[in-house]
Amino acid sequence: MFCPYQVSQDGIEMQFATNHLGHFHLTKLLLDKMKETATRT
């Protein structure tokens, strides 16, 4: 897939940010909730 080259306001290439950094950011946002609701077996 070819997307036009775009850079975010932070200076990060948009396709890289979407495909790679977005997953890490989502995990970081959910990490406390995941720890809170985890059950130990």
PDB file of N, CA and C in Angstrom:
ATOM      1  N   MET A   1       0.848  -1.166   0.000  1.00  0.00           N
ATOM      2  CA  MET A   1       0.000   0.000   0.000  1.00  0.00           C
ATOM      3  C   MET A   1       0.895   1.230   0.000  1.00  0.00           C
ATOM      4  N   PHE A   2       0.618   2.126  -0.868  1.00  0.00           N
ATOM      5  CA  PHE A   2       1.417   3.344  -0.954  1.00  0.00           C
ATOM      6  C   PHE A   2       0.609   4.518  -0.425  1.00  0.00           C
ATOM      7  N   CYS A   3       1.083   5.083   0.651  1.00  0.00           N
ATOM      8  CA  CYS A   3       0.446   6.272   1.236  1.00  0.00           C
ATOM      9  C   CYS A   3       1.336   7.475   0.965  1.00  0.00           C
ATOM     10  N   PRO A   4       0.731   8.620   0.767  1.00  0.00           N
ATOM     11  CA  PRO A   4       1.572   9.808   0.570  1.00  0.00           C
ATOM     12  C   PRO A   4       2.379  10.106   1.827  1.00  0.00           C
ATOM     13  N   TYR A   5       3.578  10.595   1.645  1.00  0.00           N
ATOM     14  CA  TYR A   5       4.457  10.914   2.770  1.00  0.00           C
ATOM     15  C   TYR A   5       3.884  12.103   3.524  1.00  0.00           C
ATOM     16  N   GLN A   6       3.655  11.897   4.827  1.00  0.00           N
ATOM     17  CA  GLN A   6       3.172  12.968   5.690  1.00  0.00           C
ATOM     18  C   GLN A   6       3.931  12.905   6.998  1.00  0.00           C
ATOM     19  N   VAL A   7       4.108  14.055   7.605  1.00  0.00           N
ATOM     20  CA  VAL A   7       4.784  14.138   8.895  1.00  0.00           C
ATOM     21  C   VAL A   7       3.818  14.775   9.880  1.00  0.00           C
ATOM     22  N   SER A   8       3.740  14.201  11.082  1.00  0.00           N
ATOM     23  CA  SER A   8       2.848  14.745  12.111  1.00  0.00           C
ATOM     24  C   SER A   8       3.415  16.041  12.677  1.00  0.00           C
ATOM     25  N   GLN A   9       2.648  16.670  13.539  1.00  0.00           N
ATOM     26  CA  GLN A   9       3.107  17.897  14.198  1.00  0.00           C
ATOM     27  C   GLN A   9       4.321  17.617  15.077  1.00  0.00           C
ATOM     28  N   ASP A  10       4.465  16.362  15.523  1.00  0.00           N
ATOM     29  CA  ASP A  10       5.603  15.965  16.356  1.00  0.00           C
ATOM     30  C   ASP A  10       6.839  15.654  15.528  1.00  0.00           C
ATOM     31  N   GLY A  11       6.707  15.655  14.216  1.00  0.00           N
ATOM     32  CA  GLY A  11       7.839  15.365  13.350  1.00  0.00           C
ATOM     33  C   GLY A  11       8.038  13.889  13.066  1.00  0.00           C
ATOM     34  N   ILE A  12       6.992  13.079  13.291  1.00  0.00           N
ATOM     35  CA  ILE A  12       7.073  11.635  13.063  1.00  0.00           C
ATOM     36  C   ILE A  12       6.314  11.299  11.785  1.00  0.00           C
ATOM     37  N   GLU A  13       6.895  10.451  10.963  1.00  0.00           N
ATOM     38  CA  GLU A  13       6.242  10.042   9.715  1.00  0.00           C
ATOM     39  C   GLU A  13       4.952   9.310  10.057  1.00  0.00           C
ATOM     40  N   MET A  14       3.860   9.667   9.418  1.00  0.00           N
ATOM     41  CA  MET A  14       2.522   9.221   9.800  1.00  0.00           C
ATOM     42  C   MET A  14       2.298   7.719   9.642  1.00  0.00           C
ATOM     43  N   GLN A  15       2.777   7.114   8.574  1.00  0.00           N
ATOM     44  CA  GLN A  15       2.553   5.684   8.389  1.00  0.00           C
ATOM     45  C   GLN A  15       3.299   4.885   9.464  1.00  0.00           C
ATOM     46  N   PHE A  16       4.508   5.293   9.797  1.00  0.00           N
ATOM     47  CA  PHE A  16       5.261   4.649  10.876  1.00  0.00           C
ATOM     48  C   PHE A  16       4.528   4.825  12.205  1.00  0.00           C
ATOM     49  N   ALA A  17       4.038   6.018  12.457  1.00  0.00           N
ATOM     50  CA  ALA A  17       3.319   6.284  13.704  1.00  0.00           C
ATOM     51  C   ALA A  17       2.077   5.417  13.819  1.00  0.00           C
ATOM     52  N   THR A  18       1.334   5.292  12.738  1.00  0.00           N
ATOM     53  CA  THR A  18       0.106   4.499  12.751  1.00  0.00           C
ATOM     54  C   THR A  18       0.394   3.017  12.898  1.00  0.00           C
ATOM     55  N   ASN A  19       1.333   2.493  12.129  1.00  0.00           N
ATOM     56  CA  ASN A  19       1.579   1.057  12.094  1.00  0.00           C
ATOM     57  C   ASN A  19       2.394   0.533  13.269  1.00  0.00           C
ATOM     58  N   HIS A  20       3.204   1.363  13.884  1.00  0.00           N
ATOM     59  CA  HIS A  20       4.110   0.878  14.931  1.00  0.00           C
ATOM     60  C   HIS A  20       3.876   1.573  16.267  1.00  0.00           C
ATOM     61  N   LEU A  21       3.952   2.868  16.286  1.00  0.00           N
ATOM     62  CA  LEU A  21       3.860   3.587  17.554  1.00  0.00           C
ATOM     63  C   LEU A  21       2.455   3.559  18.145  1.00  0.00           C
ATOM     64  N   GLY A  22       1.451   3.478  17.308  1.00  0.00           N
ATOM     65  CA  GLY A  22       0.070   3.438  17.794  1.00  0.00           C
ATOM     66  C   GLY A  22      -0.203   2.254  18.697  1.00  0.00           C
ATOM     67  N   HIS A  23       0.352   1.084  18.367  1.00  0.00           N
ATOM     68  CA  HIS A  23       0.156  -0.110  19.193  1.00  0.00           C
ATOM     69  C   HIS A  23       0.782   0.064  20.569  1.00  0.00           C
ATOM     70  N   PHE A  24       1.964   0.641  20.620  1.00  0.00           N
ATOM     71  CA  PHE A  24       2.638   0.859  21.897  1.00  0.00           C
ATOM     72  C   PHE A  24       1.886   1.874  22.744  1.00  0.00           C
ATOM     73  N   HIS A  25       1.375   2.919  22.105  1.00  0.00           N
ATOM     74  CA  HIS A  25       0.631   3.943  22.841  1.00  0.00           C
ATOM     75  C   HIS A  25      -0.662   3.364  23.411  1.00  0.00           C
ATOM     76  N   LEU A  26      -1.378   2.588  22.627  1.00  0.00           N
ATOM     77  CA  LEU A  26      -2.614   1.960  23.110  1.00  0.00           C
ATOM     78  C   LEU A  26      -2.327   1.038  24.286  1.00  0.00           C
ATOM     79  N   THR A  27      -1.279   0.235  24.188  1.00  0.00           N
ATOM     80  CA  THR A  27      -0.915  -0.665  25.283  1.00  0.00           C
ATOM     81  C   THR A  27      -0.583   0.123  26.540  1.00  0.00           C
ATOM     82  N   LYS A  28       0.148   1.211  26.386  1.00  0.00           N
ATOM     83  CA  LYS A  28       0.501   2.044  27.536  1.00  0.00           C
ATOM     84  C   LYS A  28      -0.753   2.606  28.197  1.00  0.00           C
ATOM     85  N   LEU A  29      -1.718   3.024  27.390  1.00  0.00           N
ATOM     86  CA  LEU A  29      -2.958   3.565  27.939  1.00  0.00           C
ATOM     87  C   LEU A  29      -3.777   2.506  28.679  1.00  0.00           C
ATOM     88  N   LEU A  30      -3.704   1.254  28.220  1.00  0.00           N
ATOM     89  CA  LEU A  30      -4.507   0.183  28.803  1.00  0.00           C
ATOM     90  C   LEU A  30      -3.791  -0.615  29.887  1.00  0.00           C
ATOM     91  N   LEU A  31      -2.497  -0.424  30.056  1.00  0.00           N
ATOM     92  CA  LEU A  31      -1.698  -1.276  30.934  1.00  0.00           C
ATOM     93  C   LEU A  31      -2.195  -1.292  32.377  1.00  0.00           C
ATOM     94  N   ASP A  32      -2.498  -0.143  32.951  1.00  0.00           N
ATOM     95  CA  ASP A  32      -2.981  -0.114  34.333  1.00  0.00           C
ATOM     96  C   ASP A  32      -4.294  -0.876  34.481  1.00  0.00           C
ATOM     97  N   LYS A  33      -5.196  -0.721  33.533  1.00  0.00           N
ATOM     98  CA  LYS A  33      -6.481  -1.430  33.588  1.00  0.00           C
ATOM     99  C   LYS A  33      -6.286  -2.935  33.440  1.00  0.00           C
ATOM    100  N   MET A  34      -5.366  -3.332  32.567  1.00  0.00           N
ATOM    101  CA  MET A  34      -5.096  -4.756  32.385  1.00  0.00           C
ATOM    102  C   MET A  34      -4.522  -5.355  33.669  1.00  0.00           C
ATOM    103  N   LYS A  35      -3.612  -4.650  34.321  1.00  0.00           N
ATOM    104  CA  LYS A  35      -3.045  -5.131  35.582  1.00  0.00           C
ATOM    105  C   LYS A  35      -4.114  -5.210  36.662  1.00  0.00           C
ATOM    106  N   GLU A  36      -4.982  -4.226  36.680  1.00  0.00           N
ATOM    107  CA  GLU A  36      -6.045  -4.136  37.684  1.00  0.00           C
ATOM    108  C   GLU A  36      -7.040  -5.296  37.557  1.00  0.00           C
ATOM    109  N   THR A  37      -7.321  -5.704  36.360  1.00  0.00           N
ATOM    110  CA  THR A  37      -8.345  -6.734  36.138  1.00  0.00           C
ATOM    111  C   THR A  37      -7.770  -8.132  35.940  1.00  0.00           C
ATOM    112  N   ALA A  38      -6.450  -8.263  35.968  1.00  0.00           N
ATOM    113  CA  ALA A  38      -5.832  -9.571  35.776  1.00  0.00           C
ATOM    114  C   ALA A  38      -6.158 -10.487  36.962  1.00  0.00           C
ATOM    115  N   THR A  39      -6.357 -11.748  36.653  1.00  0.00           N
ATOM    116  CA  THR A  39      -6.565 -12.731  37.722  1.00  0.00           C
ATOM    117  C   THR A  39      -5.381 -13.679  37.738  1.00  0.00           C
ATOM    118  N   ARG A  40      -4.962 -14.017  38.918  1.00  0.00           N
ATOM    119  CA  ARG A  40      -3.848 -14.947  39.067  1.00  0.00           C
ATOM    120  C   ARG A  40      -4.398 -16.337  39.265  1.00  0.00           C
ATOM    121  N   THR A  41      -3.778 -17.303  38.620  1.00  0.00           N
ATOM    122  CA  THR A  41      -4.232 -18.687  38.770  1.00  0.00           C
ATOM    123  C   THR A  41      -3.189 -19.516  39.465  1.00  0.00           C
TER     124      THR A  41
END
